Amino acid sequence: MMKNSLFAILALCLSSLAQSQTKTAGAGSQYDGINHILIAGDGEVTYFRDQDNSSFTELNFKPIFLWHISDKLFVESEVEIETGEGEASLGLEYLNMCYFVNPYLTLHAGRFLPKFGAYRGRMAEGFLNRLPTDPIGFGDGGIGASIETGIGVLGGLPIGNGRLNYDFYLSNGPHLLTDSANAGQFDYEAYIGNNKSVATGGRIGILPISDQSLEIGYSFLAKKNTSDQAAVDHASVFMQAVDFNFYHVITQIRGTIRVMGEWRHQKVGNVTYYKGVDDWGHPSEPYNVSGNPPTCYYDLGSLRLSQLSNLILRNFEIAFRYSHYQRPSDAPWAEGLGETNRTTVGIDYWLHWNSLLKLAYQVEKNTPHGYYAQLVFGF
C-alpha cells in the first residue's frame, strides 16, 4: 500500500535482504563484512502555465540509497539534484543511521525526514502526493520542518486488533530569522544549531482498525530558544499537528478511496520585530507574531476505480484538495494577505505503481489561476 512511510518500505526491503543473507551465510562465514545496497527514488519534471507564464519549471532527480550493513545496522540517504532556482543544485536531503534493537524499537541518528505531522515526511513524495503542488502552509515558508538533524527512537506496538507507532527525537530544531523581510519566521533546515538549546519532538500514530486502513496521528515540537541571541535575545516555539489518513477498497464501486488531512499550529514567544528603520536608522514599524500565531490545514480526497476490468479506466484517479494558511497579517512575509486559501483539482494516470502523470488546476487567493502537469517516475 502506498500509504506506508519510507521506513515501512525500508523495513520490507531489509527483511528480504536479511532472509536472503541468512540462507547463504551464517555467523562468522565468508560473507561477513559484505554490504547490501538498494537504490530507490524518483525523477520529476513539472510544467506550469497561468495568464502570465508558461514554462517547464522544476526538474528533480532524487536517488535514495539504502545500505544493509548487518541484521541490526542500516543506513538511508537521499541526494537531490534540482533546478527549482533556475540552475542545477546538489543537496544532501538526509543521511540517517539506524540500529534495530528489536521489532518494536529502532534507534537512529543523523539528518532524517521529520515526524512532525504526516505530510512533509511521508505524503509529499512525488509518487505519493496525488497533486503536483503542496498544500499552502505545508511547503517552504510554511509551518514545520522538511528535514531534522539529531537523534531519535521509533517503532510500533500492537494494541488489540490495532497498532500504535511512535517516533520521538532531539534535533537542532528551527532557527529564528530576524532580518526585516523575514523576522518572525524560521529556518527549519539548518545543518547545525545556533545556540545551546535543542528541540524536542515526536509523533504518535494510532491505527485502530485491524486492516490498518485508518491512521490518526498527533505531533509536537518544542524549543525553548530559537534565536542566536544577536538581534533577539530569546524566542521560544511550540508546534502541534493532528493528521488522519483513510485508505480503503470499496467493492461496491470497484475502487479505492483516500481521505486525508492535517492541521498545524505554531505558538511563538512574545517578541517584537520590526519591518524596517526610520530616517535616523532606528528600528520602526513594530509587529508581534505571537498575537496572531500561524495556523494551516488541508483536506484531500481521491478516488481510483482500481478494480475495473478495463485496463485504461482503472489507471485514472481524481483528486481534490483544499488548504488554508493563516499568517500574522502585520508580518512582511505575509505580504499583507494574512489568510490565504488554495484549492487544487487534479486527474492522474498511473503508468506503474510508483509512476504517474498528474494534471491539475489550482486557484489561490490573490494569485493567478494556474495549470500544472507533472510526470513522476519512481525506481
Protein backbone atom coordinates (compact mmCIF):
# COMPACT_ATOMS: atom_id res chain seq x y z
CA MET A 1 0.00 0.00 0.00
CA MET A 2 1.31 3.38 -0.97
CA LYS A 3 0.26 4.91 2.33
CA ASN A 4 3.24 3.25 4.00
CA SER A 5 6.04 5.52 5.07
CA LEU A 6 9.60 5.29 3.80
CA PHE A 7 10.53 3.45 6.98
CA ALA A 8 7.91 0.78 6.30
CA ILE A 9 9.15 0.32 2.73
CA LEU A 10 12.69 0.18 4.02
CA ALA A 11 11.77 -2.45 6.61
CA LEU A 12 10.29 -4.69 3.92
CA CYS A 13 13.38 -4.35 1.73
CA LEU A 14 15.72 -5.07 4.61
CA SER A 15 13.64 -8.02 5.74
CA SER A 16 14.00 -9.58 2.30
CA LEU A 17 17.74 -8.91 2.27
CA ALA A 18 18.16 -10.34 5.75
CA GLN A 19 16.32 -13.56 4.83
CA SER A 20 18.43 -13.94 1.72
CA GLN A 21 21.63 -13.47 3.67
CA THR A 22 20.54 -15.93 6.38
CA LYS A 23 20.11 -18.68 3.80
CA THR A 24 23.58 -18.23 2.36
CA ALA A 25 25.74 -17.08 5.21
CA GLY A 26 25.87 -17.81 8.92
CA ALA A 27 27.74 -16.02 11.66
CA GLY A 28 31.46 -15.95 11.04
CA SER A 29 31.15 -17.10 7.42
CA GLN A 30 32.98 -15.84 4.36
CA TYR A 31 30.10 -13.41 3.74
CA ASP A 32 30.76 -11.36 6.86
CA GLY A 33 31.52 -7.74 6.01
CA ILE A 34 29.50 -7.75 2.76
CA ASN A 35 27.07 -4.82 2.48
CA HIS A 36 23.83 -4.96 0.52
CA ILE A 37 22.64 -1.80 -1.22
CA LEU A 38 19.33 -0.85 -2.79
CA ILE A 39 18.84 2.34 -4.82
CA ALA A 40 15.30 3.72 -4.96
CA GLY A 41 13.84 7.20 -5.50
CA ASP A 42 12.20 9.09 -8.34
CA GLY A 43 12.62 11.65 -11.10
CA GLU A 44 10.17 14.52 -11.62
CA VAL A 45 9.50 17.14 -14.27
CA THR A 46 6.80 19.83 -13.90
CA TYR A 47 5.09 22.16 -16.36
CA PHE A 48 3.23 25.30 -15.21
CA ARG A 49 1.03 27.80 -17.00
CA ASP A 50 -1.04 30.81 -15.92
CA GLN A 51 -2.14 34.07 -17.55
CA ASP A 52 1.39 35.48 -17.41
CA ASN A 53 3.76 32.49 -17.63
CA SER A 54 4.24 29.21 -19.40
CA SER A 55 7.27 27.12 -18.57
CA PHE A 56 8.72 23.78 -17.66
CA THR A 57 9.77 24.54 -14.11
CA GLU A 58 11.24 22.16 -11.57
CA LEU A 59 13.25 19.14 -12.64
CA ASN A 60 14.21 16.85 -9.74
CA PHE A 61 16.28 13.69 -9.52
CA LYS A 62 16.18 12.09 -6.07
CA PRO A 63 18.07 8.82 -5.64
CA ILE A 64 17.66 7.15 -2.24
CA PHE A 65 20.48 4.86 -1.12
CA LEU A 66 19.61 2.07 1.34
CA TRP A 67 22.52 0.14 2.85
CA HIS A 68 22.01 -3.10 4.78
CA ILE A 69 25.17 -3.46 6.85
CA SER A 70 24.03 -6.26 9.17
CA ASP A 71 20.84 -7.62 10.66
CA LYS A 72 20.98 -4.72 13.15
CA LEU A 73 22.51 -1.85 11.15
CA PHE A 74 21.33 0.05 8.09
CA VAL A 75 21.77 3.49 6.56
CA GLU A 76 19.39 5.51 4.41
CA SER A 77 20.36 8.60 2.45
CA GLU A 78 18.85 10.80 -0.25
CA VAL A 79 20.76 13.12 -2.56
CA GLU A 80 18.63 15.59 -4.51
CA ILE A 81 19.54 17.30 -7.75
CA GLU A 82 17.01 20.01 -8.62
CA THR A 83 16.52 23.05 -10.84
CA GLY A 84 13.93 24.95 -8.79
CA GLU A 85 16.06 28.11 -8.59
CA GLY A 86 16.75 28.22 -12.33
CA GLU A 87 20.01 26.27 -12.20
CA ALA A 88 21.05 22.79 -11.16
CA SER A 89 21.84 22.40 -7.47
CA LEU A 90 23.01 19.39 -5.49
CA GLY A 91 21.97 18.86 -1.89
CA LEU A 92 22.02 16.24 0.84
CA GLU A 93 18.39 15.75 1.77
CA TYR A 94 19.06 13.29 4.56
CA LEU A 95 21.51 10.74 5.94
CA ASN A 96 20.08 8.58 8.71
CA MET A 97 21.95 5.76 10.51
CA CYS A 98 19.70 3.20 12.18
CA TYR A 99 20.10 0.38 14.68
CA PHE A 100 17.40 -2.29 15.12
CA VAL A 101 17.12 -3.05 18.84
CA ASN A 102 14.11 -5.35 18.42
CA PRO A 103 10.92 -5.47 16.30
CA TYR A 104 9.41 -2.69 18.41
CA LEU A 105 12.35 -0.29 18.75
CA THR A 106 14.85 1.32 16.37
CA LEU A 107 17.46 3.91 17.28
CA HIS A 108 18.59 6.42 14.65
CA ALA A 109 20.86 9.43 14.28
CA GLY A 110 21.74 11.88 11.52
CA ARG A 111 19.66 14.04 9.21
CA PHE A 112 16.23 12.47 8.80
CA LEU A 113 12.73 13.02 7.45
CA PRO A 114 10.59 14.80 10.03
CA LYS A 115 7.93 13.21 12.14
CA PHE A 116 6.11 16.47 12.81
CA GLY A 117 2.83 15.81 11.07
CA ALA A 118 2.45 13.29 8.27
CA TYR A 119 2.66 15.34 5.07
CA ARG A 120 6.27 16.51 4.75
CA GLY A 121 7.88 13.30 5.95
CA ARG A 122 5.54 10.88 4.24
CA MET A 123 2.88 12.02 1.76
CA ALA A 124 4.82 14.77 -0.02
CA GLU A 125 6.92 12.37 -2.10
CA GLY A 126 6.24 12.68 -5.82
CA PHE A 127 4.64 9.27 -6.33
CA LEU A 128 2.58 9.53 -3.10
CA ASN A 129 1.31 13.09 -3.49
CA ARG A 130 -1.78 12.92 -5.70
CA LEU A 131 -1.26 16.51 -6.87
CA PRO A 132 1.78 18.33 -8.36
CA THR A 133 1.80 21.07 -5.69
CA ASP A 134 1.93 21.24 -1.89
CA PRO A 135 -0.98 22.43 0.24
CA ILE A 136 -0.40 26.03 1.25
CA GLY A 137 1.39 26.31 4.58
CA PHE A 138 3.00 22.86 4.22
CA GLY A 139 5.78 23.70 1.78
CA ASP A 140 8.69 26.10 2.02
CA GLY A 141 7.69 29.18 4.02
CA GLY A 142 5.05 27.22 5.90
CA ILE A 143 4.86 25.62 9.34
CA GLY A 144 7.16 22.75 10.24
CA ALA A 145 10.39 21.18 9.08
CA SER A 146 11.01 19.11 5.98
CA ILE A 147 14.28 17.80 7.48
CA GLU A 148 15.57 17.39 11.05
CA THR A 149 19.14 16.81 12.29
CA GLY A 150 19.56 14.93 15.56
CA ILE A 151 18.85 11.57 17.20
CA GLY A 152 15.67 9.62 17.81
CA VAL A 153 13.80 6.42 18.64
CA LEU A 154 10.94 4.93 16.64
CA GLY A 155 8.89 1.77 16.49
CA GLY A 156 5.44 0.26 16.73
CA LEU A 157 3.34 -1.81 19.11
CA PRO A 158 0.23 -3.98 18.67
CA ILE A 159 -2.84 -2.76 20.57
CA GLY A 160 -5.62 -5.32 20.45
CA ASN A 161 -6.64 -5.58 16.79
CA GLY A 162 -4.95 -2.27 16.02
CA ARG A 163 -1.49 -0.81 16.17
CA LEU A 164 0.38 2.14 17.61
CA ASN A 165 3.52 3.67 16.09
CA TYR A 166 5.78 6.26 17.66
CA ASP A 167 8.74 8.46 16.80
CA PHE A 168 10.48 10.74 19.33
CA TYR A 169 13.63 12.77 18.70
CA LEU A 170 16.00 15.52 19.77
CA SER A 171 17.14 17.85 17.00
CA ASN A 172 18.67 21.23 16.23
CA GLY A 173 15.16 22.47 15.60
CA PRO A 174 14.09 25.71 13.93
CA HIS A 175 16.29 28.82 13.77
CA LEU A 176 14.62 32.21 14.17
CA LEU A 177 15.01 34.62 11.24
CA THR A 178 15.43 38.25 12.24
CA ASP A 179 16.10 40.17 9.01
CA SER A 180 13.46 42.79 8.22
CA ALA A 181 11.88 40.79 5.41
CA ASN A 182 11.52 37.52 7.34
CA ALA A 183 11.60 38.41 11.06
CA GLY A 184 9.40 36.01 13.00
CA GLN A 185 9.75 33.16 10.52
CA PHE A 186 12.01 30.13 10.94
CA ASP A 187 14.73 28.33 9.05
CA TYR A 188 13.89 24.66 9.53
CA GLU A 189 16.68 23.05 7.51
CA ALA A 190 19.92 24.33 9.09
CA TYR A 191 22.65 21.69 9.28
CA ILE A 192 23.98 22.95 12.63
CA GLY A 193 22.47 24.52 15.76
CA ASN A 194 22.51 28.25 16.52
CA ASN A 195 22.55 28.10 20.34
CA LYS A 196 22.76 25.58 23.20
CA SER A 197 19.02 24.85 23.13
CA VAL A 198 17.75 21.73 21.34
CA ALA A 199 14.28 20.87 20.10
CA THR A 200 12.18 18.00 21.42
CA GLY A 201 9.66 16.50 19.05
CA GLY A 202 7.71 13.44 18.14
CA ARG A 203 4.63 11.82 16.71
CA ILE A 204 2.26 9.10 17.91
CA GLY A 205 0.04 7.37 15.36
CA ILE A 206 -2.87 5.04 16.13
CA LEU A 207 -4.30 2.56 13.62
CA PRO A 208 -7.49 1.47 15.41
CA ILE A 209 -8.90 -0.82 12.68
CA SER A 210 -7.50 -4.32 12.15
CA ASP A 211 -6.95 -3.82 8.41
CA GLN A 212 -4.94 -0.63 9.21
CA SER A 213 -6.96 1.41 6.73
CA LEU A 214 -7.20 4.36 9.14
CA GLU A 215 -4.41 6.20 10.96
CA ILE A 216 -4.78 9.16 13.31
CA GLY A 217 -1.65 10.98 14.49
CA TYR A 218 -0.61 13.68 16.92
CA SER A 219 2.72 15.54 16.66
CA PHE A 220 4.55 18.18 18.64
CA LEU A 221 7.83 20.10 18.57
CA ALA A 222 9.14 22.43 21.27
CA LYS A 223 12.28 24.52 21.58
CA LYS A 224 12.96 26.95 24.43
CA ASN A 225 15.17 29.28 22.39
CA THR A 226 15.33 29.55 18.61
CA SER A 227 17.44 32.74 18.46
CA ASP A 228 21.18 33.14 18.03
CA GLN A 229 20.80 35.95 20.62
CA ALA A 230 22.22 38.57 18.26
CA ALA A 231 19.20 40.61 17.17
CA VAL A 232 16.71 38.89 19.52
CA ASP A 233 17.69 37.64 22.94
CA HIS A 234 15.19 34.81 23.36
CA ALA A 235 12.29 33.38 21.34
CA SER A 236 10.58 30.07 22.06
CA VAL A 237 8.39 27.97 19.77
CA PHE A 238 5.84 25.21 20.34
CA MET A 239 4.14 23.50 17.42
CA GLN A 240 1.36 20.92 17.30
CA ALA A 241 -0.20 18.90 14.49
CA VAL A 242 -3.06 16.45 14.09
CA ASP A 243 -3.31 14.27 10.99
CA PHE A 244 -5.50 11.48 9.65
CA ASN A 245 -5.30 9.13 6.69
CA PHE A 246 -8.01 6.72 5.48
CA TYR A 247 -7.28 4.41 2.53
CA HIS A 248 -9.72 1.66 1.64
CA VAL A 249 -11.01 -0.54 -1.17
CA ILE A 250 -14.79 -0.22 -1.66
CA THR A 251 -16.01 -3.26 -3.56
CA GLN A 252 -19.43 -1.73 -4.30
CA ILE A 253 -17.85 0.90 -6.56
CA ARG A 254 -14.89 -1.32 -7.53
CA GLY A 255 -12.43 1.33 -6.48
CA THR A 256 -10.17 2.71 -3.76
CA ILE A 257 -10.62 5.96 -1.90
CA ARG A 258 -8.22 8.03 0.15
CA VAL A 259 -9.34 10.76 2.55
CA MET A 260 -6.64 12.57 4.48
CA GLY A 261 -5.86 15.86 6.13
CA GLU A 262 -3.69 17.67 8.63
CA TRP A 263 -3.89 20.69 10.95
CA ARG A 264 -0.84 22.57 12.25
CA HIS A 265 -0.48 25.34 14.81
CA GLN A 266 2.59 27.33 15.79
CA LYS A 267 2.90 29.21 19.08
CA VAL A 268 5.89 31.54 19.36
CA GLY A 269 7.38 33.60 22.14
CA ASN A 270 6.24 37.16 22.79
CA VAL A 271 8.88 39.03 20.78
CA THR A 272 8.61 42.38 18.98
CA TYR A 273 10.07 42.55 15.46
CA TYR A 274 10.50 45.47 13.11
CA LYS A 275 9.80 45.83 9.41
CA GLY A 276 12.43 48.49 8.74
CA VAL A 277 14.27 51.56 10.01
CA ASP A 278 13.37 55.25 10.20
CA ASP A 279 15.32 58.20 8.76
CA TRP A 280 17.76 58.07 11.67
CA GLY A 281 18.46 54.35 11.35
CA HIS A 282 16.33 53.29 14.32
CA PRO A 283 14.03 50.24 14.10
CA SER A 284 10.49 51.16 13.04
CA GLU A 285 7.11 49.61 12.22
CA PRO A 286 6.97 47.03 15.04
CA TYR A 287 4.84 43.89 14.88
CA ASN A 288 4.31 40.82 17.05
CA VAL A 289 3.77 37.30 15.71
CA SER A 290 2.52 35.82 19.00
CA GLY A 291 -0.67 37.88 18.89
CA ASN A 292 -1.74 36.17 15.66
CA PRO A 293 0.05 32.78 15.54
CA PRO A 294 0.30 30.92 12.21
CA THR A 295 -2.10 28.04 11.57
CA CYS A 296 -2.60 25.88 8.49
CA TYR A 297 -4.60 22.85 7.44
CA TYR A 298 -5.57 20.84 4.38
CA ASP A 299 -8.12 18.19 3.41
CA LEU A 300 -7.73 15.85 0.44
CA GLY A 301 -9.90 13.21 -1.17
CA SER A 302 -9.09 10.94 -4.10
CA LEU A 303 -10.87 8.15 -5.95
CA ARG A 304 -9.46 5.47 -8.27
CA LEU A 305 -11.60 2.73 -9.83
CA SER A 306 -8.72 0.32 -9.46
CA GLN A 307 -10.85 -2.86 -9.54
CA LEU A 308 -12.31 -2.29 -13.01
CA SER A 309 -11.52 -4.85 -15.70
CA ASN A 310 -10.79 -2.08 -18.23
CA LEU A 311 -7.00 -1.64 -18.21
CA ILE A 312 -7.21 2.04 -19.17
CA LEU A 313 -10.00 3.33 -16.93
CA ARG A 314 -8.69 1.65 -13.78
CA ASN A 315 -5.45 3.63 -14.00
CA PHE A 316 -7.18 7.02 -13.72
CA GLU A 317 -7.51 8.74 -10.35
CA ILE A 318 -9.22 12.02 -9.50
CA ALA A 319 -8.17 14.16 -6.53
CA PHE A 320 -9.41 17.29 -4.77
CA ARG A 321 -7.62 19.29 -2.07
CA TYR A 322 -8.48 22.41 -0.10
CA SER A 323 -5.83 24.09 2.05
CA HIS A 324 -5.77 27.15 4.30
CA TYR A 325 -2.93 29.19 5.79
CA GLN A 326 -3.44 31.86 8.47
CA ARG A 327 -0.41 34.14 8.90
CA PRO A 328 0.20 37.26 11.01
CA SER A 329 -1.08 39.94 8.65
CA ASP A 330 1.37 42.54 10.02
CA ALA A 331 4.43 40.43 9.19
CA PRO A 332 6.16 41.44 5.93
CA TRP A 333 6.50 37.79 4.86
CA ALA A 334 2.69 37.52 4.90
CA GLU A 335 2.66 40.11 2.09
CA GLY A 336 -0.45 41.67 3.60
CA LEU A 337 -2.56 38.58 2.91
CA GLY A 338 -2.90 37.10 6.37
CA GLU A 339 -5.49 34.47 5.48
CA THR A 340 -4.88 32.52 2.26
CA ASN A 341 -6.80 29.62 0.70
CA ARG A 342 -5.73 27.25 -2.07
CA THR A 343 -7.99 24.84 -3.99
CA THR A 344 -6.48 22.22 -6.28
CA VAL A 345 -8.28 19.74 -8.54
CA GLY A 346 -6.39 17.07 -10.43
CA ILE A 347 -6.58 13.91 -12.50
CA ASP A 348 -3.79 11.33 -12.51
CA TYR A 349 -2.94 8.44 -14.78
CA TRP A 350 -0.90 5.65 -13.19
CA LEU A 351 1.75 4.26 -15.51
CA HIS A 352 3.08 1.94 -12.80
CA TRP A 353 2.53 1.55 -9.04
CA ASN A 354 5.11 4.30 -8.44
CA SER A 355 5.00 6.26 -11.73
CA LEU A 356 2.24 8.59 -12.88
CA LEU A 357 1.22 11.62 -14.90
CA LYS A 358 -0.59 14.39 -12.99
CA LEU A 359 -2.74 17.16 -14.46
CA ALA A 360 -4.13 19.84 -12.12
CA TYR A 361 -5.87 23.21 -11.94
CA GLN A 362 -5.19 25.44 -8.92
CA VAL A 363 -6.98 28.50 -7.55
CA GLU A 364 -5.41 30.66 -4.85
CA LYS A 365 -6.36 33.97 -3.29
CA ASN A 366 -4.57 36.97 -4.87
CA THR A 367 -2.70 34.63 -7.25
CA PRO A 368 -3.42 33.94 -10.95
CA HIS A 369 -5.13 30.62 -11.54
CA GLY A 370 -2.64 28.04 -12.72
CA TYR A 371 -2.46 24.80 -14.72
CA TYR A 372 0.07 22.11 -13.84
CA ALA A 373 1.37 18.94 -15.42
CA GLN A 374 3.88 16.70 -13.67
CA LEU A 375 5.49 13.43 -14.69
CA VAL A 376 6.94 11.24 -11.93
CA PHE A 377 8.92 8.06 -12.50
CA GLY A 378 9.73 6.05 -9.39
CA PHE A 379 12.52 3.49 -9.35
